[in-house]
C-alpha atoms as a PDB file:
ATOM      1  CA  MET A   1      36.268 -80.412  17.237  1.00  0.00           C
ATOM      2  CA  MET A   2      32.524 -80.979  17.373  1.00  0.00           C
ATOM      3  CA  GLN A   3      30.386 -77.907  16.685  1.00  0.00           C
ATOM      4  CA  ARG A   4      27.711 -76.866  19.180  1.00  0.00           C
ATOM      5  CA  PHE A   5      24.281 -75.880  17.901  1.00  0.00           C
ATOM      6  CA  PRO A   6      21.006 -75.305  19.732  1.00  0.00           C
ATOM      7  CA  LEU A   7      19.066 -78.561  19.831  1.00  0.00           C
ATOM      8  CA  HIS A   8      15.705 -76.832  20.283  1.00  0.00           C
ATOM      9  CA  ALA A   9      15.899 -74.958  16.963  1.00  0.00           C
ATOM     10  CA  LEU A  10      12.450 -75.807  15.543  1.00  0.00           C
ATOM     11  CA  SER A  11      11.141 -78.294  18.078  1.00  0.00           C
ATOM     12  CA  ASN A  12       9.121 -75.620  19.927  1.00  0.00           C
ATOM     13  CA  ALA A  13       7.841 -73.666  16.901  1.00  0.00           C
ATOM     14  CA  ALA A  14       4.078 -73.154  16.997  1.00  0.00           C
ATOM     15  CA  PRO A  15       2.301 -72.924  13.634  1.00  0.00           C
ATOM     16  CA  GLY A  16       2.298 -69.299  12.507  1.00  0.00           C
ATOM     17  CA  ALA A  17       5.183 -68.324  14.821  1.00  0.00           C
ATOM     18  CA  PRO A  18       7.875 -66.116  13.267  1.00  0.00           C
ATOM     19  CA  LEU A  19      11.007 -67.991  12.187  1.00  0.00           C
ATOM     20  CA  PHE A  20      14.545 -66.656  12.241  1.00  0.00           C
ATOM     21  CA  ALA A  21      17.760 -67.743  10.550  1.00  0.00           C
ATOM     22  CA  ILE A  22      20.725 -67.825  12.940  1.00  0.00           C
ATOM     23  CA  ARG A  23      24.356 -67.658  11.805  1.00  0.00           C
ATOM     24  CA  LEU A  24      27.552 -67.726  13.821  1.00  0.00           C
ATOM     25  CA  ILE A  25      30.011 -65.118  12.500  1.00  0.00           C
ATOM     26  CA  ASP A  26      33.741 -64.915  13.141  1.00  0.00           C
ATOM     27  CA  ARG A  27      34.401 -61.275  14.158  1.00  0.00           C
ATOM     28  CA  ARG A  28      38.014 -61.520  12.974  1.00  0.00           C
ATOM     29  CA  THR A  29      37.085 -62.355   9.368  1.00  0.00           C
ATOM     30  CA  GLY A  30      33.391 -61.453   9.133  1.00  0.00           C
ATOM     31  CA  GLU A  31      32.815 -64.920   7.666  1.00  0.00           C
ATOM     32  CA  VAL A  32      30.249 -67.570   8.570  1.00  0.00           C
ATOM     33  CA  PRO A  33      31.883 -70.929   9.411  1.00  0.00           C
ATOM     34  CA  ARG A  34      31.353 -73.546   6.703  1.00  0.00           C
ATOM     35  CA  LEU A  35      30.705 -77.260   6.822  1.00  0.00           C
ATOM     36  CA  ASN A  36      31.575 -79.089   3.598  1.00  0.00           C
ATOM     37  CA  GLY A  37      31.779 -75.715   1.866  1.00  0.00           C
ATOM     38  CA  LYS A  38      28.282 -74.567   2.884  1.00  0.00           C
ATOM     39  CA  PRO A  39      27.670 -71.722   5.377  1.00  0.00           C
ATOM     40  CA  ILE A  40      26.239 -72.979   8.649  1.00  0.00           C
ATOM     41  CA  SER A  41      22.777 -71.574   9.339  1.00  0.00           C
ATOM     42  CA  PHE A  42      19.671 -72.903  11.093  1.00  0.00           C
ATOM     43  CA  LEU A  43      16.076 -71.871  11.746  1.00  0.00           C
ATOM     44  CA  THR A  44      14.490 -71.205  15.120  1.00  0.00           C
ATOM     45  CA  ALA A  45      11.342 -69.685  16.589  1.00  0.00           C
ATOM     46  CA  THR A  46      13.227 -68.694  19.756  1.00  0.00           C
ATOM     47  CA  PRO A  47      16.130 -66.498  18.584  1.00  0.00           C
ATOM     48  CA  ARG A  48      17.208 -65.153  21.983  1.00  0.00           C
ATOM     49  CA  GLN A  49      17.519 -68.621  23.457  1.00  0.00           C
ATOM     50  CA  ALA A  50      19.219 -69.927  20.305  1.00  0.00           C
ATOM     51  CA  VAL A  51      21.805 -67.125  20.366  1.00  0.00           C
ATOM     52  CA  GLU A  52      22.556 -67.735  24.049  1.00  0.00           C
ATOM     53  CA  ASP A  53      22.950 -71.471  23.412  1.00  0.00           C
ATOM     54  CA  LEU A  54      25.127 -70.908  20.338  1.00  0.00           C
ATOM     55  CA  LEU A  55      27.466 -68.454  22.083  1.00  0.00           C
ATOM     56  CA  LYS A  56      27.669 -70.422  25.344  1.00  0.00           C
ATOM     57  CA  ASP A  57      31.307 -71.189  26.209  1.00  0.00           C
ATOM     58  CA  ARG A  58      32.551 -69.228  23.169  1.00  0.00           C
ATOM     59  CA  ASP A  59      34.817 -66.184  23.338  1.00  0.00           C
ATOM     60  CA  ARG A  60      32.364 -63.364  22.549  1.00  0.00           C
ATOM     61  CA  SER A  61      35.212 -61.111  21.471  1.00  0.00           C
ATOM     62  CA  LYS A  62      35.743 -63.543  18.567  1.00  0.00           C
ATOM     63  CA  TRP A  63      32.171 -64.626  17.739  1.00  0.00           C
ATOM     64  CA  ILE A  64      28.819 -62.947  17.109  1.00  0.00           C
ATOM     65  CA  ALA A  65      25.435 -64.389  16.153  1.00  0.00           C
ATOM     66  CA  GLN A  66      23.443 -62.844  13.310  1.00  0.00           C
ATOM     67  CA  VAL A  67      19.635 -63.151  13.439  1.00  0.00           C
ATOM     68  CA  ASP A  68      17.471 -62.604  10.336  1.00  0.00           C
ATOM     69  CA  PRO A  69      13.653 -62.981  10.110  1.00  0.00           C
ATOM     70  CA  VAL A  70      12.655 -65.449   7.370  1.00  0.00           C
ATOM     71  CA  GLY A  71       8.876 -65.999   7.607  1.00  0.00           C
ATOM     72  CA  LEU A  72       6.295 -67.919   9.613  1.00  0.00           C
ATOM     73  CA  SER A  73       6.354 -71.561  10.671  1.00  0.00           C
ATOM     74  CA  GLY A  74       3.770 -73.737   8.996  1.00  0.00           C
ATOM     75  CA  GLN A  75       3.999 -71.885   5.659  1.00  0.00           C
ATOM     76  CA  ALA A  76       4.997 -73.769   2.547  1.00  0.00           C
ATOM     77  CA  PRO A  77       8.663 -73.101   1.671  1.00  0.00           C
ATOM     78  CA  GLU A  78       7.738 -71.374  -1.601  1.00  0.00           C
ATOM     79  CA  THR A  79       5.597 -68.816   0.261  1.00  0.00           C
ATOM     80  CA  ALA A  80       7.447 -68.439   3.563  1.00  0.00           C
ATOM     81  CA  GLY A  81       8.500 -64.814   3.759  1.00  0.00           C
ATOM     82  CA  LEU A  82       8.484 -64.291  -0.012  1.00  0.00           C
ATOM     83  CA  GLY A  83       5.301 -62.234  -0.289  1.00  0.00           C
ATOM     84  CA  ARG A  84       3.405 -64.850  -2.299  1.00  0.00           C
ATOM     85  CA  THR A  85       0.054 -66.216  -1.197  1.00  0.00           C
ATOM     86  CA  GLY A  86       0.414 -69.679  -2.711  1.00  0.00           C
ATOM     87  CA  THR A  87      -2.815 -69.213  -4.689  1.00  0.00           C
ATOM     88  CA  GLU A  88      -1.133 -68.170  -7.935  1.00  0.00           C
ATOM     89  CA  ARG A  89      -1.043 -70.826 -10.631  1.00  0.00           C
ATOM     90  CA  PRO A  90       2.218 -71.397 -12.485  1.00  0.00           C
ATOM     91  CA  ASN A  91       2.171 -70.419 -16.182  1.00  0.00           C
END
């Protein structure tokens, strides 16, 4: 069965917009579905729309979407949401 994921995930993210990690969770087990052993998660700047798209045509008594803030779009990965400014020099 082919999995359904929001196609708009980061395509509409403006620089500096907050980013969110979205995970589909099986209510029966509390587990995140895995693909090749890795938990399925994606980033989006539009979490409400992403959750609606992800849960569309799914039994909501069996599935829930978890949304976690992760940082701002346009930030370097090493500084996104980690409290570093990017100006520190490595030792």
